[in-house]
C-alpha atoms as a PDB file:
ATOM      1  CA  MET A   1      71.898  91.445 159.785  1.00  0.00           C
ATOM      2  CA  CYS A   2      74.069  94.455 159.368  1.00  0.00           C
ATOM      3  CA  GLY A   3      76.930  95.858 160.961  1.00  0.00           C
ATOM      4  CA  ILE A   4      77.556  99.713 161.934  1.00  0.00           C
ATOM      5  CA  VAL A   5      80.603 100.975 163.168  1.00  0.00           C
ATOM      6  CA  GLY A   6      81.230 104.490 163.965  1.00  0.00           C
ATOM      7  CA  TYR A   7      84.317 106.673 164.832  1.00  0.00           C
ATOM      8  CA  VAL A   8      85.394 110.051 166.221  1.00  0.00           C
ATOM      9  CA  GLY A   9      89.100 110.866 167.062  1.00  0.00           C
ATOM     10  CA  ARG A  10      92.344 112.246 165.894  1.00  0.00           C
ATOM     11  CA  LYS A  11      93.259 109.144 163.691  1.00  0.00           C
ATOM     12  CA  ARG A  12      92.158 108.799 159.931  1.00  0.00           C
ATOM     13  CA  VAL A  13      88.458 107.764 159.948  1.00  0.00           C
ATOM     14  CA  VAL A  14      88.596 105.508 156.841  1.00  0.00           C
ATOM     15  CA  PRO A  15      91.052 102.776 158.050  1.00  0.00           C
ATOM     16  CA  VAL A  16      89.270 102.415 161.537  1.00  0.00           C
ATOM     17  CA  ILE A  17      85.850 101.934 160.159  1.00  0.00           C
ATOM     18  CA  LEU A  18      86.966  99.522 157.243  1.00  0.00           C
ATOM     19  CA  ASP A  19      88.691  97.393 159.875  1.00  0.00           C
ATOM     20  CA  GLY A  20      85.697  97.433 161.913  1.00  0.00           C
ATOM     21  CA  LEU A  21      83.630  96.344 159.100  1.00  0.00           C
ATOM     22  CA  ARG A  22      85.871  93.653 158.341  1.00  0.00           C
ATOM     23  CA  ARG A  23      85.407  92.397 161.949  1.00  0.00           C
ATOM     24  CA  LEU A  24      81.906  92.399 161.254  1.00  0.00           C
ATOM     25  CA  GLU A  25      81.646  90.578 157.799  1.00  0.00           C
ATOM     26  CA  TYR A  26      80.781  87.166 159.531  1.00  0.00           C
ATOM     27  CA  ARG A  27      77.435  88.641 159.812  1.00  0.00           C
ATOM     28  CA  GLY A  28      76.875  88.369 156.456  1.00  0.00           C
ATOM     29  CA  TYR A  29      76.145  91.195 154.098  1.00  0.00           C
ATOM     30  CA  ASP A  30      75.458  92.195 150.519  1.00  0.00           C
ATOM     31  CA  SER A  31      76.576  95.517 150.376  1.00  0.00           C
ATOM     32  CA  ALA A  32      78.579  98.248 152.268  1.00  0.00           C
ATOM     33  CA  GLY A  33      78.956 102.134 152.301  1.00  0.00           C
ATOM     34  CA  ILE A  34      80.877 104.765 154.430  1.00  0.00           C
ATOM     35  CA  ALA A  35      80.353 108.504 155.281  1.00  0.00           C
ATOM     36  CA  VAL A  36      82.883 110.838 156.680  1.00  0.00           C
ATOM     37  CA  CYS A  37      83.632 114.446 157.451  1.00  0.00           C
ATOM     38  CA  GLY A  38      86.175 116.568 159.319  1.00  0.00           C
ATOM     39  CA  ASN A  39      88.371 117.440 156.748  1.00  0.00           C
ATOM     40  CA  GLY A  40      86.957 120.611 155.302  1.00  0.00           C
ATOM     41  CA  GLU A  41      85.535 119.071 152.391  1.00  0.00           C
ATOM     42  CA  GLY A  42      82.222 118.472 153.568  1.00  0.00           C
ATOM     43  CA  LEU A  43      80.270 115.386 153.963  1.00  0.00           C
ATOM     44  CA  GLN A  44      81.428 112.419 151.695  1.00  0.00           C
ATOM     45  CA  ILE A  45      79.689 109.133 150.935  1.00  0.00           C
ATOM     46  CA  ARG A  46      81.282 105.935 148.957  1.00  0.00           C
ATOM     47  CA  ARG A  47      79.042 102.707 148.760  1.00  0.00           C
ATOM     48  CA  ALA A  48      79.676  99.624 146.747  1.00  0.00           C
ATOM     49  CA  GLU A  49      77.330  96.516 146.237  1.00  0.00           C
ATOM     50  CA  GLY A  50      78.858  93.051 147.261  1.00  0.00           C
ATOM     51  CA  LYS A  51      81.782  92.815 149.574  1.00  0.00           C
ATOM     52  CA  LEU A  52      83.826  94.802 151.334  1.00  0.00           C
ATOM     53  CA  ARG A  53      86.884  94.715 148.940  1.00  0.00           C
ATOM     54  CA  ASN A  54      84.315  96.429 146.642  1.00  0.00           C
ATOM     55  CA  LEU A  55      84.241  99.482 148.757  1.00  0.00           C
ATOM     56  CA  GLU A  56      87.669  99.729 149.144  1.00  0.00           C
ATOM     57  CA  GLU A  57      88.466  99.907 145.751  1.00  0.00           C
ATOM     58  CA  VAL A  58      85.807 102.538 145.519  1.00  0.00           C
ATOM     59  CA  ILE A  59      87.904 104.071 147.981  1.00  0.00           C
ATOM     60  CA  ARG A  60      90.932 103.438 146.553  1.00  0.00           C
ATOM     61  CA  LEU A  61      89.725 105.307 142.890  1.00  0.00           C
ATOM     62  CA  LYS A  62      88.141 108.090 145.159  1.00  0.00           C
ATOM     63  CA  PRO A  63      89.820 108.600 147.953  1.00  0.00           C
ATOM     64  CA  LEU A  64      88.070 110.229 151.259  1.00  0.00           C
ATOM     65  CA  ASP A  65      89.158 111.408 154.439  1.00  0.00           C
ATOM     66  CA  GLY A  66      88.163 112.548 158.005  1.00  0.00           C
ATOM     67  CA  THR A  67      88.232 112.800 161.476  1.00  0.00           C
ATOM     68  CA  TYR A  68      84.802 111.543 162.179  1.00  0.00           C
ATOM     69  CA  GLY A  69      82.521 109.092 160.204  1.00  0.00           C
ATOM     70  CA  ILE A  70      80.175 105.667 159.950  1.00  0.00           C
ATOM     71  CA  GLY A  71      80.141 103.004 157.961  1.00  0.00           C
ATOM     72  CA  HIS A  72      77.592 100.148 157.464  1.00  0.00           C
ATOM     73  CA  THR A  73      77.223  96.793 156.079  1.00  0.00           C
ATOM     74  CA  ARG A  74      73.865  95.868 154.750  1.00  0.00           C
ATOM     75  CA  TRP A  75      71.610  92.573 154.335  1.00  0.00           C
ATOM     76  CA  ALA A  76      68.932  93.736 151.885  1.00  0.00           C
ATOM     77  CA  THR A  77      65.003  93.921 153.258  1.00  0.00           C
ATOM     78  CA  HIS A  78      63.891  96.605 151.401  1.00  0.00           C
ATOM     79  CA  GLY A  79      65.077  97.528 147.981  1.00  0.00           C
ATOM     80  CA  ARG A  80      67.486  95.292 145.707  1.00  0.00           C
ATOM     81  CA  PRO A  81      71.079  94.899 146.711  1.00  0.00           C
ATOM     82  CA  THR A  82      72.642  97.690 145.014  1.00  0.00           C
ATOM     83  CA  GLU A  83      75.167 100.517 145.367  1.00  0.00           C
ATOM     84  CA  GLU A  84      72.389 102.823 145.236  1.00  0.00           C
ATOM     85  CA  ASN A  85      70.342 101.038 147.984  1.00  0.00           C
ATOM     86  CA  ALA A  86      73.527 100.530 149.953  1.00  0.00           C
ATOM     87  CA  HIS A  87      73.982 102.829 153.202  1.00  0.00           C
ATOM     88  CA  PRO A  88      74.354 105.634 154.433  1.00  0.00           C
ATOM     89  CA  HIS A  89      71.578 107.571 152.934  1.00  0.00           C
ATOM     90  CA  ARG A  90      70.885 111.423 152.486  1.00  0.00           C
ATOM     91  CA  ASP A  91      68.358 113.748 152.924  1.00  0.00           C
ATOM     92  CA  CYS A  92      67.346 116.376 150.454  1.00  0.00           C
ATOM     93  CA  THR A  93      69.943 118.952 151.600  1.00  0.00           C
ATOM     94  CA  GLY A  94      73.168 116.233 151.999  1.00  0.00           C
ATOM     95  CA  ARG A  95      73.759 117.299 155.417  1.00  0.00           C
ATOM     96  CA  ILE A  96      72.023 114.333 157.381  1.00  0.00           C
ATOM     97  CA  VAL A  97      73.204 110.891 156.636  1.00  0.00           C
ATOM     98  CA  VAL A  98      71.479 107.458 157.981  1.00  0.00           C
ATOM     99  CA  VAL A  99      72.388 104.143 158.537  1.00  0.00           C
ATOM    100  CA  HIS A 100      70.242 101.778 160.090  1.00  0.00           C
ATOM    101  CA  ASN A 101      69.383  98.041 161.326  1.00  0.00           C
ATOM    102  CA  GLY A 102      66.064  96.976 161.136  1.00  0.00           C
ATOM    103  CA  ILE A 103      62.602  97.249 159.284  1.00  0.00           C
ATOM    104  CA  ILE A 104      60.486 100.243 159.218  1.00  0.00           C
ATOM    105  CA  GLU A 105      56.974  98.716 158.735  1.00  0.00           C
ATOM    106  CA  ASN A 106      54.940 101.728 157.540  1.00  0.00           C
ATOM    107  CA  TYR A 107      57.800 103.217 155.277  1.00  0.00           C
ATOM    108  CA  VAL A 108      55.539 103.093 152.244  1.00  0.00           C
ATOM    109  CA  SER A 109      52.865 105.857 154.003  1.00  0.00           C
ATOM    110  CA  LEU A 110      55.927 107.829 155.186  1.00  0.00           C
ATOM    111  CA  LYS A 111      57.730 107.892 151.905  1.00  0.00           C
ATOM    112  CA  LYS A 112      54.404 109.052 149.877  1.00  0.00           C
ATOM    113  CA  LYS A 113      53.554 111.716 152.636  1.00  0.00           C
ATOM    114  CA  LEU A 114      57.398 112.780 152.249  1.00  0.00           C
ATOM    115  CA  ALA A 115      57.256 113.080 148.690  1.00  0.00           C
ATOM    116  CA  GLU A 116      54.012 114.909 148.494  1.00  0.00           C
ATOM    117  CA  GLU A 117      55.676 117.442 150.780  1.00  0.00           C
ATOM    118  CA  GLY A 118      58.744 117.367 148.349  1.00  0.00           C
ATOM    119  CA  HIS A 119      61.164 115.413 149.433  1.00  0.00           C
ATOM    120  CA  ARG A 120      63.109 113.510 146.395  1.00  0.00           C
ATOM    121  CA  PHE A 121      64.058 109.829 146.961  1.00  0.00           C
ATOM    122  CA  THR A 122      67.107 107.995 145.441  1.00  0.00           C
ATOM    123  CA  THR A 123      66.934 104.446 146.872  1.00  0.00           C
ATOM    124  CA  GLU A 124      64.224 101.883 146.963  1.00  0.00           C
ATOM    125  CA  THR A 125      65.083 101.592 151.069  1.00  0.00           C
ATOM    126  CA  ASP A 126      62.915 102.126 153.794  1.00  0.00           C
ATOM    127  CA  THR A 127      65.672 103.557 155.884  1.00  0.00           C
ATOM    128  CA  GLU A 128      66.216 106.762 153.319  1.00  0.00           C
ATOM    129  CA  ILE A 129      62.777 108.016 154.973  1.00  0.00           C
ATOM    130  CA  ILE A 130      64.994 108.399 158.341  1.00  0.00           C
ATOM    131  CA  ALA A 131      66.963 111.292 157.109  1.00  0.00           C
ATOM    132  CA  HIS A 132      64.410 113.219 155.433  1.00  0.00           C
ATOM    133  CA  MET A 133      61.985 112.644 158.605  1.00  0.00           C
ATOM    134  CA  ILE A 134      65.184 114.388 160.506  1.00  0.00           C
ATOM    135  CA  GLU A 135      65.450 116.945 157.846  1.00  0.00           C
ATOM    136  CA  LYS A 136      61.697 118.204 158.445  1.00  0.00           C
END
């Protein structure tokens, strides 16, 4: 089971999303990530394997800020529990990010078709194909 938290508003987004993810920790997870925008620097993503404190350390070392964003805790179903496989995932342009809870049963055939069309994948997850399908 995963946790998903989104925020749009005037407050600094990172503390709001991290607090929301902390409240969902009881559900269990193996990695976490956050995507933030709205500060003039474009879309920024931070991800970490393991517990939320690992993501907080990544953010401490490489801060990000904005006014809207989305956070995710992942329980691996497709792909190992690694930083690369943690959500959010991007499309080829880097303008679309996706988090997802569930399983895409036919992702292998969809991924193959998208790869044949020139899409580049960076994870082992089924979720990444959603960003690429939206990009199309």
